[in-house]
Amino acid sequence: MTAGLRELKKQQTRQSISDTATRLFIEHGFEKVTIAEIAAAAQVAKMTVTNYFPRKEDLALDTHETFIASLARTVAARAEGESALAALRREFMAAVERRDAVTGFSGPDFARMIADSPTLTARLRELHELREDALARVLAADTGAAPGDLTPRAVAALLTTAHRTLFQQVMDLSLAGRDNQEIATMVAGAARGIFDLLEPSLAGYAVRTRPS
């Protein structure tokens, strides 16, 4: 088997385990399902599950690495003349149009699974904090902030809180039974208001300049 096929097989196995686990979590509740039960349902060894997912929470939140990196990657890839705020605003609105899971679109069953689990709720809170840390590092590097300068951390906190608030609105609307079109319309409107509030302070911060 070639390296490419081996990697594809690993990805398929990982996805199958995650899908199986999520189905069981939704049916029975996160805390009640064991790793052994997931392994049996996915027809793999228990060790295989833990090799792919060292933390049980990440069986449900399996896109956590993408989530953590999302804001930092958007800012790092912003266009010349574009501020961090403008880049994040643009990408958020596009993600809402895509109904992207990174913005909270997951369906009512998945939203209920998280809301009903103290463990998953705590892990999601941790992921938001890790996303803030990643964004702060990029802002500090791109603005040449001096050691001890709290500006990048403060800006990252503001921008991440905006995304966190909108993420929670998507989840709340999903739990309330709103369909994705309704959710997208309502969240896009809320996002415009929130980003407009940040505009006076952050429109000129971390604007990408032409390399010298």
N, C-alpha and C. Protein backbone atom coordinates (compact mmCIF):
# COMPACT_ATOMS: atom_id res chain seq x y z
N MET A 1 0.84 -1.20 0.00
CA MET A 1 0.00 0.00 0.00
C MET A 1 0.88 1.26 0.00
N THR A 2 0.60 2.21 -0.88
CA THR A 2 1.40 3.42 -0.97
C THR A 2 1.12 4.32 0.23
N ALA A 3 2.04 5.31 0.39
CA ALA A 3 1.87 6.24 1.51
C ALA A 3 0.56 7.00 1.39
N GLY A 4 0.19 7.38 0.16
CA GLY A 4 -1.05 8.11 -0.05
C GLY A 4 -2.27 7.30 0.33
N LEU A 5 -2.26 6.02 -0.03
CA LEU A 5 -3.39 5.15 0.30
C LEU A 5 -3.46 4.89 1.80
N ARG A 6 -2.29 4.75 2.43
CA ARG A 6 -2.28 4.55 3.88
C ARG A 6 -2.86 5.76 4.60
N GLU A 7 -2.48 6.95 4.14
CA GLU A 7 -3.01 8.16 4.77
C GLU A 7 -4.51 8.28 4.56
N LEU A 8 -4.98 7.93 3.36
CA LEU A 8 -6.42 7.96 3.08
C LEU A 8 -7.16 6.99 3.99
N LYS A 9 -6.59 5.80 4.17
CA LYS A 9 -7.20 4.79 5.03
C LYS A 9 -7.29 5.28 6.47
N LYS A 10 -6.22 5.95 6.94
CA LYS A 10 -6.23 6.49 8.29
C LYS A 10 -7.31 7.55 8.45
N GLN A 11 -7.44 8.42 7.46
CA GLN A 11 -8.45 9.46 7.51
C GLN A 11 -9.86 8.87 7.54
N GLN A 12 -10.06 7.84 6.73
CA GLN A 12 -11.37 7.18 6.68
C GLN A 12 -11.69 6.50 8.01
N THR A 13 -10.68 5.85 8.59
CA THR A 13 -10.88 5.19 9.89
C THR A 13 -11.19 6.22 10.97
N ARG A 14 -10.45 7.30 10.98
CA ARG A 14 -10.67 8.36 11.96
C ARG A 14 -12.08 8.94 11.84
N GLN A 15 -12.50 9.20 10.61
CA GLN A 15 -13.83 9.77 10.40
C GLN A 15 -14.93 8.80 10.80
N SER A 16 -14.72 7.52 10.50
CA SER A 16 -15.70 6.50 10.85
C SER A 16 -15.87 6.40 12.37
N ILE A 17 -14.75 6.43 13.08
CA ILE A 17 -14.80 6.36 14.54
C ILE A 17 -15.53 7.58 15.10
N SER A 18 -15.19 8.76 14.59
CA SER A 18 -15.83 9.99 15.06
C SER A 18 -17.32 9.99 14.77
N ASP A 19 -17.70 9.56 13.58
CA ASP A 19 -19.13 9.53 13.22
C ASP A 19 -19.90 8.56 14.11
N THR A 20 -19.29 7.41 14.37
CA THR A 20 -19.92 6.41 15.23
C THR A 20 -20.08 6.95 16.64
N ALA A 21 -19.02 7.56 17.15
CA ALA A 21 -19.07 8.11 18.51
C ALA A 21 -20.13 9.20 18.62
N THR A 22 -20.18 10.08 17.65
CA THR A 22 -21.15 11.18 17.70
C THR A 22 -22.57 10.64 17.69
N ARG A 23 -22.81 9.63 16.88
CA ARG A 23 -24.15 9.01 16.84
C ARG A 23 -24.52 8.45 18.22
N LEU A 24 -23.59 7.76 18.85
CA LEU A 24 -23.87 7.19 20.18
C LEU A 24 -24.05 8.29 21.22
N PHE A 25 -23.24 9.36 21.13
CA PHE A 25 -23.37 10.46 22.09
C PHE A 25 -24.74 11.12 21.97
N ILE A 26 -25.20 11.31 20.75
CA ILE A 26 -26.50 11.94 20.53
C ILE A 26 -27.63 11.04 21.04
N GLU A 27 -27.48 9.76 20.82
CA GLU A 27 -28.53 8.82 21.24
C GLU A 27 -28.58 8.63 22.75
N HIS A 28 -27.41 8.57 23.40
CA HIS A 28 -27.37 8.16 24.80
C HIS A 28 -26.81 9.21 25.76
N GLY A 29 -26.20 10.26 25.23
CA GLY A 29 -25.56 11.26 26.08
C GLY A 29 -24.07 11.01 26.16
N PHE A 30 -23.30 12.08 26.11
CA PHE A 30 -21.84 11.96 26.07
C PHE A 30 -21.29 11.20 27.26
N GLU A 31 -21.72 11.58 28.45
CA GLU A 31 -21.15 10.98 29.66
C GLU A 31 -21.45 9.49 29.80
N LYS A 32 -22.53 9.02 29.20
CA LYS A 32 -22.96 7.63 29.39
C LYS A 32 -22.28 6.64 28.45
N VAL A 33 -21.70 7.14 27.37
CA VAL A 33 -21.09 6.26 26.37
C VAL A 33 -19.62 6.05 26.70
N THR A 34 -19.18 4.78 26.67
CA THR A 34 -17.79 4.46 26.98
C THR A 34 -16.97 4.29 25.71
N ILE A 35 -15.66 4.39 25.86
CA ILE A 35 -14.75 4.17 24.73
C ILE A 35 -14.90 2.75 24.20
N ALA A 36 -15.08 1.80 25.11
CA ALA A 36 -15.25 0.40 24.70
C ALA A 36 -16.50 0.24 23.82
N GLU A 37 -17.57 0.92 24.17
CA GLU A 37 -18.80 0.85 23.38
C GLU A 37 -18.60 1.47 22.00
N ILE A 38 -17.85 2.56 21.95
CA ILE A 38 -17.55 3.20 20.66
C ILE A 38 -16.72 2.27 19.79
N ALA A 39 -15.71 1.66 20.38
CA ALA A 39 -14.85 0.75 19.63
C ALA A 39 -15.64 -0.43 19.07
N ALA A 40 -16.52 -0.98 19.88
CA ALA A 40 -17.34 -2.11 19.42
C ALA A 40 -18.26 -1.70 18.28
N ALA A 41 -18.87 -0.55 18.40
CA ALA A 41 -19.79 -0.09 17.36
C ALA A 41 -19.06 0.25 16.07
N ALA A 42 -17.83 0.76 16.19
CA ALA A 42 -17.03 1.12 15.02
C ALA A 42 -16.25 -0.06 14.47
N GLN A 43 -16.30 -1.19 15.19
CA GLN A 43 -15.60 -2.42 14.79
C GLN A 43 -14.09 -2.21 14.70
N VAL A 44 -13.55 -1.55 15.73
CA VAL A 44 -12.11 -1.38 15.85
C VAL A 44 -11.72 -1.70 17.29
N ALA A 45 -10.43 -1.83 17.52
CA ALA A 45 -9.94 -2.06 18.87
C ALA A 45 -10.06 -0.80 19.70
N LYS A 46 -10.22 -0.97 21.00
CA LYS A 46 -10.29 0.19 21.90
C LYS A 46 -9.05 1.06 21.78
N MET A 47 -7.89 0.42 21.62
CA MET A 47 -6.64 1.17 21.49
C MET A 47 -6.64 2.01 20.21
N THR A 48 -7.29 1.52 19.18
CA THR A 48 -7.37 2.29 17.94
C THR A 48 -8.11 3.59 18.16
N VAL A 49 -9.18 3.52 18.93
CA VAL A 49 -9.95 4.74 19.24
C VAL A 49 -9.06 5.74 19.98
N THR A 50 -8.37 5.28 21.01
CA THR A 50 -7.56 6.20 21.82
C THR A 50 -6.32 6.68 21.07
N ASN A 51 -5.84 5.90 20.12
CA ASN A 51 -4.72 6.35 19.30
C ASN A 51 -5.12 7.55 18.43
N TYR A 52 -6.31 7.49 17.89
CA TYR A 52 -6.80 8.58 17.05
C TYR A 52 -7.33 9.75 17.89
N PHE A 53 -7.91 9.43 19.03
CA PHE A 53 -8.55 10.45 19.86
C PHE A 53 -8.14 10.25 21.32
N PRO A 54 -7.01 10.82 21.73
CA PRO A 54 -6.56 10.68 23.12
C PRO A 54 -7.56 11.23 24.13
N ARG A 55 -8.34 12.23 23.73
CA ARG A 55 -9.36 12.80 24.61
C ARG A 55 -10.73 12.40 24.10
N LYS A 56 -11.56 11.90 24.98
CA LYS A 56 -12.90 11.48 24.58
C LYS A 56 -13.70 12.63 23.98
N GLU A 57 -13.52 13.84 24.51
CA GLU A 57 -14.28 14.99 24.00
C GLU A 57 -14.03 15.23 22.52
N ASP A 58 -12.82 14.91 22.07
CA ASP A 58 -12.49 15.20 20.68
C ASP A 58 -13.09 14.20 19.70
N LEU A 59 -13.68 13.13 20.21
CA LEU A 59 -14.48 12.26 19.35
C LEU A 59 -15.72 13.00 18.85
N ALA A 60 -16.25 13.88 19.69
CA ALA A 60 -17.41 14.68 19.29
C ALA A 60 -16.99 15.96 18.59
N LEU A 61 -15.97 16.62 19.15
CA LEU A 61 -15.48 17.88 18.59
C LEU A 61 -14.24 17.59 17.75
N ASP A 62 -14.43 16.81 16.69
CA ASP A 62 -13.29 16.27 15.96
C ASP A 62 -12.63 17.27 15.03
N THR A 63 -13.20 18.45 14.85
CA THR A 63 -12.56 19.49 14.03
C THR A 63 -11.90 20.55 14.91
N HIS A 64 -11.51 20.14 16.12
CA HIS A 64 -10.99 21.12 17.08
C HIS A 64 -9.73 21.82 16.59
N GLU A 65 -8.88 21.12 15.85
CA GLU A 65 -7.65 21.75 15.38
C GLU A 65 -7.96 22.86 14.38
N THR A 66 -8.90 22.60 13.47
CA THR A 66 -9.32 23.62 12.52
C THR A 66 -9.96 24.80 13.24
N PHE A 67 -10.79 24.50 14.22
CA PHE A 67 -11.46 25.55 15.00
C PHE A 67 -10.44 26.44 15.70
N ILE A 68 -9.49 25.85 16.38
CA ILE A 68 -8.49 26.62 17.12
C ILE A 68 -7.70 27.54 16.20
N ALA A 69 -7.35 27.05 15.03
CA ALA A 69 -6.49 27.80 14.12
C ALA A 69 -7.24 28.78 13.23
N SER A 70 -8.56 28.72 13.19
CA SER A 70 -9.33 29.42 12.16
C SER A 70 -9.11 30.93 12.15
N LEU A 71 -9.21 31.59 13.30
CA LEU A 71 -9.07 33.04 13.32
C LEU A 71 -7.64 33.47 13.01
N ALA A 72 -6.67 32.77 13.57
CA ALA A 72 -5.27 33.09 13.31
C ALA A 72 -4.93 32.92 11.83
N ARG A 73 -5.43 31.86 11.22
CA ARG A 73 -5.15 31.63 9.80
C ARG A 73 -5.76 32.72 8.93
N THR A 74 -6.97 33.14 9.27
CA THR A 74 -7.62 34.20 8.50
C THR A 74 -6.82 35.49 8.57
N VAL A 75 -6.36 35.85 9.74
CA VAL A 75 -5.57 37.07 9.91
C VAL A 75 -4.23 36.94 9.20
N ALA A 76 -3.59 35.80 9.33
CA ALA A 76 -2.28 35.60 8.70
C ALA A 76 -2.37 35.69 7.18
N ALA A 77 -3.53 35.33 6.62
CA ALA A 77 -3.71 35.32 5.16
C ALA A 77 -4.40 36.56 4.64
N ARG A 78 -4.59 37.58 5.47
CA ARG A 78 -5.33 38.76 5.04
C ARG A 78 -4.63 39.47 3.88
N ALA A 79 -5.40 40.19 3.10
CA ALA A 79 -4.88 40.84 1.91
C ALA A 79 -4.14 42.12 2.27
N GLU A 80 -3.33 42.59 1.36
CA GLU A 80 -2.65 43.86 1.55
C GLU A 80 -3.68 44.97 1.72
N GLY A 81 -3.49 45.80 2.73
CA GLY A 81 -4.41 46.88 3.01
C GLY A 81 -5.60 46.48 3.87
N GLU A 82 -5.68 45.21 4.21
CA GLU A 82 -6.81 44.71 5.00
C GLU A 82 -6.40 44.60 6.46
N SER A 83 -7.25 45.07 7.35
CA SER A 83 -6.99 44.95 8.78
C SER A 83 -7.39 43.57 9.28
N ALA A 84 -6.95 43.25 10.50
CA ALA A 84 -7.36 41.97 11.10
C ALA A 84 -8.87 41.91 11.24
N LEU A 85 -9.47 43.02 11.68
CA LEU A 85 -10.93 43.05 11.85
C LEU A 85 -11.63 42.84 10.52
N ALA A 86 -11.19 43.52 9.48
CA ALA A 86 -11.84 43.39 8.17
C ALA A 86 -11.74 41.97 7.64
N ALA A 87 -10.58 41.35 7.82
CA ALA A 87 -10.39 39.98 7.35
C ALA A 87 -11.32 39.02 8.09
N LEU A 88 -11.41 39.17 9.40
CA LEU A 88 -12.25 38.28 10.19
C LEU A 88 -13.72 38.52 9.90
N ARG A 89 -14.09 39.75 9.68
CA ARG A 89 -15.49 40.05 9.32
C ARG A 89 -15.83 39.41 7.98
N ARG A 90 -14.97 39.60 6.99
CA ARG A 90 -15.20 39.02 5.67
C ARG A 90 -15.34 37.50 5.74
N GLU A 91 -14.42 36.86 6.45
CA GLU A 91 -14.44 35.41 6.51
C GLU A 91 -15.63 34.89 7.31
N PHE A 92 -16.01 35.60 8.37
CA PHE A 92 -17.16 35.15 9.14
C PHE A 92 -18.42 35.17 8.30
N MET A 93 -18.64 36.24 7.55
CA MET A 93 -19.84 36.33 6.73
C MET A 93 -19.84 35.24 5.66
N ALA A 94 -18.67 34.94 5.10
CA ALA A 94 -18.58 33.87 4.11
C ALA A 94 -18.86 32.52 4.76
N ALA A 95 -18.37 32.33 5.98
CA ALA A 95 -18.60 31.06 6.68
C ALA A 95 -20.07 30.86 7.01
N VAL A 96 -20.77 31.94 7.33
CA VAL A 96 -22.21 31.85 7.57
C VAL A 96 -22.92 31.43 6.29
N GLU A 97 -22.50 32.00 5.17
CA GLU A 97 -23.10 31.62 3.89
C GLU A 97 -22.88 30.14 3.60
N ARG A 98 -21.72 29.61 4.01
CA ARG A 98 -21.40 28.19 3.80
C ARG A 98 -22.06 27.30 4.84
N ARG A 99 -22.65 27.90 5.88
CA ARG A 99 -23.19 27.14 7.02
C ARG A 99 -22.07 26.31 7.66
N ASP A 100 -20.94 26.93 7.84
CA ASP A 100 -19.73 26.26 8.31
C ASP A 100 -19.86 25.87 9.78
N ALA A 101 -19.43 24.66 10.11
CA ALA A 101 -19.48 24.20 11.50
C ALA A 101 -18.60 25.04 12.41
N VAL A 102 -17.57 25.68 11.86
CA VAL A 102 -16.69 26.52 12.67
C VAL A 102 -17.46 27.70 13.27
N THR A 103 -18.55 28.11 12.62
CA THR A 103 -19.36 29.21 13.15
C THR A 103 -20.50 28.70 14.03
N GLY A 104 -20.61 27.38 14.19
CA GLY A 104 -21.62 26.82 15.08
C GLY A 104 -22.71 26.02 14.41
N PHE A 105 -22.77 26.04 13.08
CA PHE A 105 -23.79 25.28 12.37
C PHE A 105 -23.52 23.79 12.53
N SER A 106 -24.44 23.10 13.20
CA SER A 106 -24.23 21.67 13.47
C SER A 106 -25.53 20.89 13.55
N GLY A 107 -26.66 21.61 13.59
CA GLY A 107 -27.95 20.94 13.71
C GLY A 107 -28.38 20.85 15.16
N PRO A 108 -29.70 20.71 15.38
CA PRO A 108 -30.23 20.71 16.75
C PRO A 108 -29.76 19.53 17.59
N ASP A 109 -29.62 18.36 16.99
CA ASP A 109 -29.21 17.18 17.78
C ASP A 109 -27.80 17.36 18.32
N PHE A 110 -26.90 17.85 17.48
CA PHE A 110 -25.52 18.06 17.91
C PHE A 110 -25.45 19.17 18.95
N ALA A 111 -26.20 20.23 18.72
CA ALA A 111 -26.22 21.33 19.69
C ALA A 111 -26.74 20.87 21.04
N ARG A 112 -27.76 20.03 21.03
CA ARG A 112 -28.31 19.50 22.28
C ARG A 112 -27.31 18.59 22.97
N MET A 113 -26.58 17.79 22.20
CA MET A 113 -25.56 16.91 22.77
C MET A 113 -24.55 17.73 23.57
N ILE A 114 -24.10 18.86 23.02
CA ILE A 114 -23.13 19.69 23.70
C ILE A 114 -23.76 20.37 24.91
N ALA A 115 -24.94 20.93 24.72
CA ALA A 115 -25.60 21.66 25.80
C ALA A 115 -25.89 20.77 27.00
N ASP A 116 -26.17 19.50 26.75
CA ASP A 116 -26.52 18.58 27.83
C ASP A 116 -25.30 17.97 28.52
N SER A 117 -24.12 18.23 28.01
CA SER A 117 -22.91 17.62 28.56
C SER A 117 -22.01 18.66 29.21
N PRO A 118 -21.84 18.62 30.52
CA PRO A 118 -20.89 19.54 31.17
C PRO A 118 -19.47 19.38 30.64
N THR A 119 -19.10 18.15 30.29
CA THR A 119 -17.75 17.90 29.79
C THR A 119 -17.52 18.56 28.44
N LEU A 120 -18.48 18.40 27.52
CA LEU A 120 -18.34 19.01 26.20
C LEU A 120 -18.44 20.53 26.26
N THR A 121 -19.29 21.03 27.14
CA THR A 121 -19.41 22.48 27.30
C THR A 121 -18.09 23.06 27.79
N ALA A 122 -17.45 22.38 28.73
CA ALA A 122 -16.16 22.84 29.24
C ALA A 122 -15.08 22.76 28.17
N ARG A 123 -15.10 21.69 27.38
CA ARG A 123 -14.11 21.54 26.31
C ARG A 123 -14.30 22.62 25.26
N LEU A 124 -15.53 22.94 24.92
CA LEU A 124 -15.78 24.00 23.93
C LEU A 124 -15.27 25.34 24.46
N ARG A 125 -15.47 25.59 25.74
CA ARG A 125 -14.94 26.82 26.35
C ARG A 125 -13.42 26.85 26.22
N GLU A 126 -12.78 25.72 26.45
CA GLU A 126 -11.33 25.64 26.33
C GLU A 126 -10.88 25.89 24.90
N LEU A 127 -11.62 25.37 23.92
CA LEU A 127 -11.27 25.58 22.52
C LEU A 127 -11.35 27.06 22.14
N HIS A 128 -12.36 27.75 22.65
CA HIS A 128 -12.45 29.19 22.41
C HIS A 128 -11.23 29.91 22.98
N GLU A 129 -10.78 29.50 24.16
CA GLU A 129 -9.62 30.13 24.78
C GLU A 129 -8.35 29.83 23.99
N LEU A 130 -8.22 28.61 23.50
CA LEU A 130 -7.05 28.26 22.69
C LEU A 130 -7.06 29.02 21.37
N ARG A 131 -8.24 29.26 20.82
CA ARG A 131 -8.35 30.03 19.59
C ARG A 131 -7.91 31.48 19.83
N GLU A 132 -8.28 32.02 20.99
CA GLU A 132 -7.83 33.36 21.35
C GLU A 132 -6.31 33.42 21.47
N ASP A 133 -5.72 32.42 22.10
CA ASP A 133 -4.26 32.37 22.24
C ASP A 133 -3.58 32.37 20.87
N ALA A 134 -4.09 31.55 19.95
CA ALA A 134 -3.49 31.46 18.61
C ALA A 134 -3.59 32.79 17.88
N LEU A 135 -4.74 33.45 18.00
CA LEU A 135 -4.91 34.75 17.35
C LEU A 135 -3.98 35.79 17.95
N ALA A 136 -3.85 35.80 19.26
CA ALA A 136 -2.96 36.77 19.92
C ALA A 136 -1.52 36.62 19.45
N ARG A 137 -1.08 35.39 19.26
CA ARG A 137 0.30 35.16 18.80
C ARG A 137 0.50 35.74 17.40
N VAL A 138 -0.45 35.53 16.51
CA VAL A 138 -0.33 36.06 15.15
C VAL A 138 -0.34 37.58 15.16
N LEU A 139 -1.24 38.17 15.93
CA LEU A 139 -1.30 39.62 16.00
C LEU A 139 -0.01 40.22 16.56
N ALA A 140 0.53 39.59 17.58
CA ALA A 140 1.79 40.08 18.16
C ALA A 140 2.92 40.02 17.14
N ALA A 141 3.00 38.92 16.41
CA ALA A 141 4.06 38.77 15.42
C ALA A 141 3.89 39.74 14.26
N ASP A 142 2.67 39.90 13.77
CA ASP A 142 2.44 40.73 12.60
C ASP A 142 2.55 42.22 12.89
N THR A 143 2.31 42.63 14.12
CA THR A 143 2.41 44.05 14.46
C THR A 143 3.76 44.40 15.10
N GLY A 144 4.61 43.39 15.27
CA GLY A 144 5.91 43.64 15.89
C GLY A 144 5.80 44.13 17.31
N ALA A 145 4.83 43.61 18.03
CA ALA A 145 4.60 44.05 19.41
C ALA A 145 5.80 43.71 20.28
N ALA A 146 6.11 44.63 21.17
CA ALA A 146 7.22 44.41 22.10
C ALA A 146 6.82 43.39 23.15
N PRO A 147 7.80 42.66 23.70
CA PRO A 147 7.49 41.74 24.80
C PRO A 147 6.79 42.49 25.93
N GLY A 148 5.71 41.93 26.43
CA GLY A 148 4.97 42.57 27.50
C GLY A 148 3.88 43.50 27.03
N ASP A 149 3.82 43.80 25.73
CA ASP A 149 2.75 44.64 25.19
C ASP A 149 1.45 43.84 25.18
N LEU A 150 0.47 44.31 25.89
CA LEU A 150 -0.79 43.58 26.02
C LEU A 150 -1.79 43.88 24.90
N THR A 151 -1.44 44.77 23.99
CA THR A 151 -2.38 45.14 22.94
C THR A 151 -2.84 43.96 22.10
N PRO A 152 -1.92 43.11 21.60
CA PRO A 152 -2.38 41.97 20.80
C PRO A 152 -3.31 41.05 21.58
N ARG A 153 -3.02 40.84 22.84
CA ARG A 153 -3.87 39.98 23.67
C ARG A 153 -5.25 40.62 23.86
N ALA A 154 -5.29 41.92 24.09
CA ALA A 154 -6.57 42.61 24.29
C ALA A 154 -7.39 42.58 23.01
N VAL A 155 -6.75 42.83 21.87
CA VAL A 155 -7.47 42.80 20.58
C VAL A 155 -7.96 41.39 20.29
N ALA A 156 -7.13 40.40 20.53
CA ALA A 156 -7.54 39.00 20.31
C ALA A 156 -8.73 38.65 21.18
N ALA A 157 -8.74 39.15 22.42
CA ALA A 157 -9.87 38.87 23.31
C ALA A 157 -11.16 39.47 22.77
N LEU A 158 -11.09 40.70 22.26
CA LEU A 158 -12.27 41.35 21.70
C LEU A 158 -12.78 40.60 20.47
N LEU A 159 -11.88 40.28 19.57
CA LEU A 159 -12.28 39.62 18.33
C LEU A 159 -12.78 38.20 18.58
N THR A 160 -12.14 37.50 19.49
CA THR A 160 -12.58 36.14 19.79
C THR A 160 -13.92 36.15 20.52
N THR A 161 -14.11 37.12 21.40
CA THR A 161 -15.40 37.22 22.10
C THR A 161 -16.53 37.48 21.12
N ALA A 162 -16.28 38.29 20.11
CA ALA A 162 -17.29 38.53 19.08
C ALA A 162 -17.68 37.22 18.40
N HIS A 163 -16.69 36.44 18.01
CA HIS A 163 -16.95 35.15 17.36
C HIS A 163 -17.61 34.16 18.33
N ARG A 164 -17.18 34.19 19.55
CA ARG A 164 -17.75 33.28 20.56
C ARG A 164 -19.23 33.59 20.80
N THR A 165 -19.55 34.88 20.86
CA THR A 165 -20.94 35.29 21.06
C THR A 165 -21.82 34.87 19.89
N LEU A 166 -21.30 35.04 18.68
CA LEU A 166 -22.06 34.66 17.49
C LEU A 166 -22.19 33.13 17.39
N PHE A 167 -21.13 32.42 17.75
CA PHE A 167 -21.18 30.95 17.78
C PHE A 167 -22.29 30.48 18.70
N GLN A 168 -22.37 31.10 19.88
CA GLN A 168 -23.40 30.70 20.84
C GLN A 168 -24.79 31.03 20.32
N GLN A 169 -24.92 32.12 19.59
CA GLN A 169 -26.23 32.43 19.03
C GLN A 169 -26.66 31.36 18.02
N VAL A 170 -25.73 30.91 17.20
CA VAL A 170 -26.06 29.83 16.26
C VAL A 170 -26.52 28.58 17.01
N MET A 171 -25.80 28.24 18.07
CA MET A 171 -26.17 27.06 18.86
C MET A 171 -27.55 27.24 19.50
N ASP A 172 -27.80 28.42 20.07
CA ASP A 172 -29.08 28.67 20.73
C ASP A 172 -30.23 28.61 19.73
N LEU A 173 -30.03 29.18 18.57
CA LEU A 173 -31.08 29.15 17.55
C LEU A 173 -31.32 27.74 17.04
N SER A 174 -30.26 26.95 16.95
CA SER A 174 -30.40 25.54 16.55
C SER A 174 -31.24 24.80 17.58
N LEU A 175 -30.95 25.03 18.86
CA LEU A 175 -31.71 24.38 19.93
C LEU A 175 -33.18 24.83 19.93
N ALA A 176 -33.41 26.05 19.46
CA ALA A 176 -34.78 26.57 19.42
C ALA A 176 -35.56 26.06 18.21
N GLY A 177 -34.90 25.28 17.36
CA GLY A 177 -35.59 24.68 16.22
C GLY A 177 -35.61 25.53 14.97
N ARG A 178 -34.83 26.60 14.92
CA ARG A 178 -34.78 27.42 13.71
C ARG A 178 -34.02 26.66 12.62
N ASP A 179 -34.45 26.84 11.38
CA ASP A 179 -33.73 26.18 10.28
C ASP A 179 -32.50 27.00 9.92
N ASN A 180 -31.61 26.41 9.11
CA ASN A 180 -30.34 27.05 8.82
C ASN A 180 -30.48 28.39 8.11
N GLN A 181 -31.48 28.53 7.26
CA GLN A 181 -31.67 29.80 6.57
C GLN A 181 -32.04 30.90 7.56
N GLU A 182 -32.94 30.59 8.48
CA GLU A 182 -33.31 31.56 9.51
C GLU A 182 -32.10 31.93 10.37
N ILE A 183 -31.36 30.90 10.76
CA ILE A 183 -30.19 31.12 11.60
C ILE A 183 -29.19 32.02 10.88
N ALA A 184 -28.92 31.70 9.61
CA ALA A 184 -27.95 32.48 8.85
C ALA A 184 -28.37 33.94 8.75
N THR A 185 -29.64 34.19 8.50
CA THR A 185 -30.13 35.56 8.38
C THR A 185 -29.98 36.32 9.68
N MET A 186 -30.37 35.68 10.77
CA MET A 186 -30.31 36.34 12.08
C MET A 186 -28.88 36.56 12.54
N VAL A 187 -28.02 35.58 12.32
CA VAL A 187 -26.64 35.70 12.78
C VAL A 187 -25.87 36.70 11.92
N ALA A 188 -26.14 36.73 10.63
CA ALA A 188 -25.48 37.71 9.77
C ALA A 188 -25.84 39.13 10.22
N GLY A 189 -27.09 39.35 10.56
CA GLY A 189 -27.50 40.66 11.05
C GLY A 189 -26.82 41.02 12.35
N ALA A 190 -26.76 40.06 13.27
CA ALA A 190 -26.08 40.29 14.55
C ALA A 190 -24.59 40.56 14.34
N ALA A 191 -23.99 39.83 13.40
CA ALA A 191 -22.56 39.99 13.13
C ALA A 191 -22.25 41.39 12.60
N ARG A 192 -23.10 41.88 11.72
CA ARG A 192 -22.87 43.23 11.20
C ARG A 192 -22.89 44.26 12.33
N GLY A 193 -23.83 44.10 13.26
CA GLY A 193 -23.89 45.02 14.39
C GLY A 193 -22.68 44.93 15.28
N ILE A 194 -22.23 43.72 15.56
CA ILE A 194 -21.07 43.53 16.45
C ILE A 194 -19.80 44.05 15.81
N PHE A 195 -19.56 43.70 14.55
CA PHE A 195 -18.35 44.16 13.88
C PHE A 195 -18.37 45.68 13.70
N ASP A 196 -19.55 46.26 13.48
CA ASP A 196 -19.65 47.72 13.39
C ASP A 196 -19.23 48.38 14.70
N LEU A 197 -19.59 47.77 15.82
CA LEU A 197 -19.19 48.31 17.12
C LEU A 197 -17.67 48.31 17.29
N LEU A 198 -17.00 47.31 16.74
CA LEU A 198 -15.55 47.20 16.87
C LEU A 198 -14.81 48.09 15.88
N GLU A 199 -15.48 48.48 14.82
CA GLU A 199 -14.84 49.21 13.72
C GLU A 199 -14.11 50.49 14.17
N PRO A 200 -14.72 51.36 14.97
CA PRO A 200 -14.03 52.61 15.33
C PRO A 200 -12.68 52.39 16.01
N SER A 201 -12.57 51.34 16.80
CA SER A 201 -11.33 51.10 17.54
C SER A 201 -10.32 50.27 16.77
N LEU A 202 -10.79 49.35 15.93
CA LEU A 202 -9.88 48.36 15.35
C LEU A 202 -9.70 48.45 13.84
N ALA A 203 -10.37 49.40 13.20
CA ALA A 203 -10.27 49.48 11.74
C ALA A 203 -8.85 49.71 11.26
N GLY A 204 -8.05 50.39 12.07
CA GLY A 204 -6.68 50.68 11.66
C GLY A 204 -5.63 49.81 12.31
N TYR A 205 -6.06 48.78 13.02
CA TYR A 205 -5.11 47.92 13.74
C TYR A 205 -4.74 46.71 12.89
N ALA A 206 -3.45 46.39 12.86
CA ALA A 206 -2.92 45.21 12.16
C ALA A 206 -3.35 45.20 10.69
N VAL A 207 -3.16 46.35 10.04
CA VAL A 207 -3.43 46.42 8.60
C VAL A 207 -2.23 45.86 7.86
N ARG A 208 -2.45 44.94 6.95
CA ARG A 208 -1.38 44.31 6.20
C ARG A 208 -0.75 45.32 5.24
N THR A 209 0.56 45.51 5.34
CA THR A 209 1.27 46.45 4.49
C THR A 209 2.08 45.70 3.45
N ARG A 210 2.47 46.41 2.41
CA ARG A 210 3.29 45.82 1.35
C ARG A 210 4.68 45.50 1.92
N PRO A 211 5.19 44.30 1.65
CA PRO A 211 6.53 43.95 2.16
C PRO A 211 7.56 44.93 1.62
N SER A 212 8.48 45.34 2.46
CA SER A 212 9.52 46.31 2.03
C SER A 212 10.64 45.59 1.30
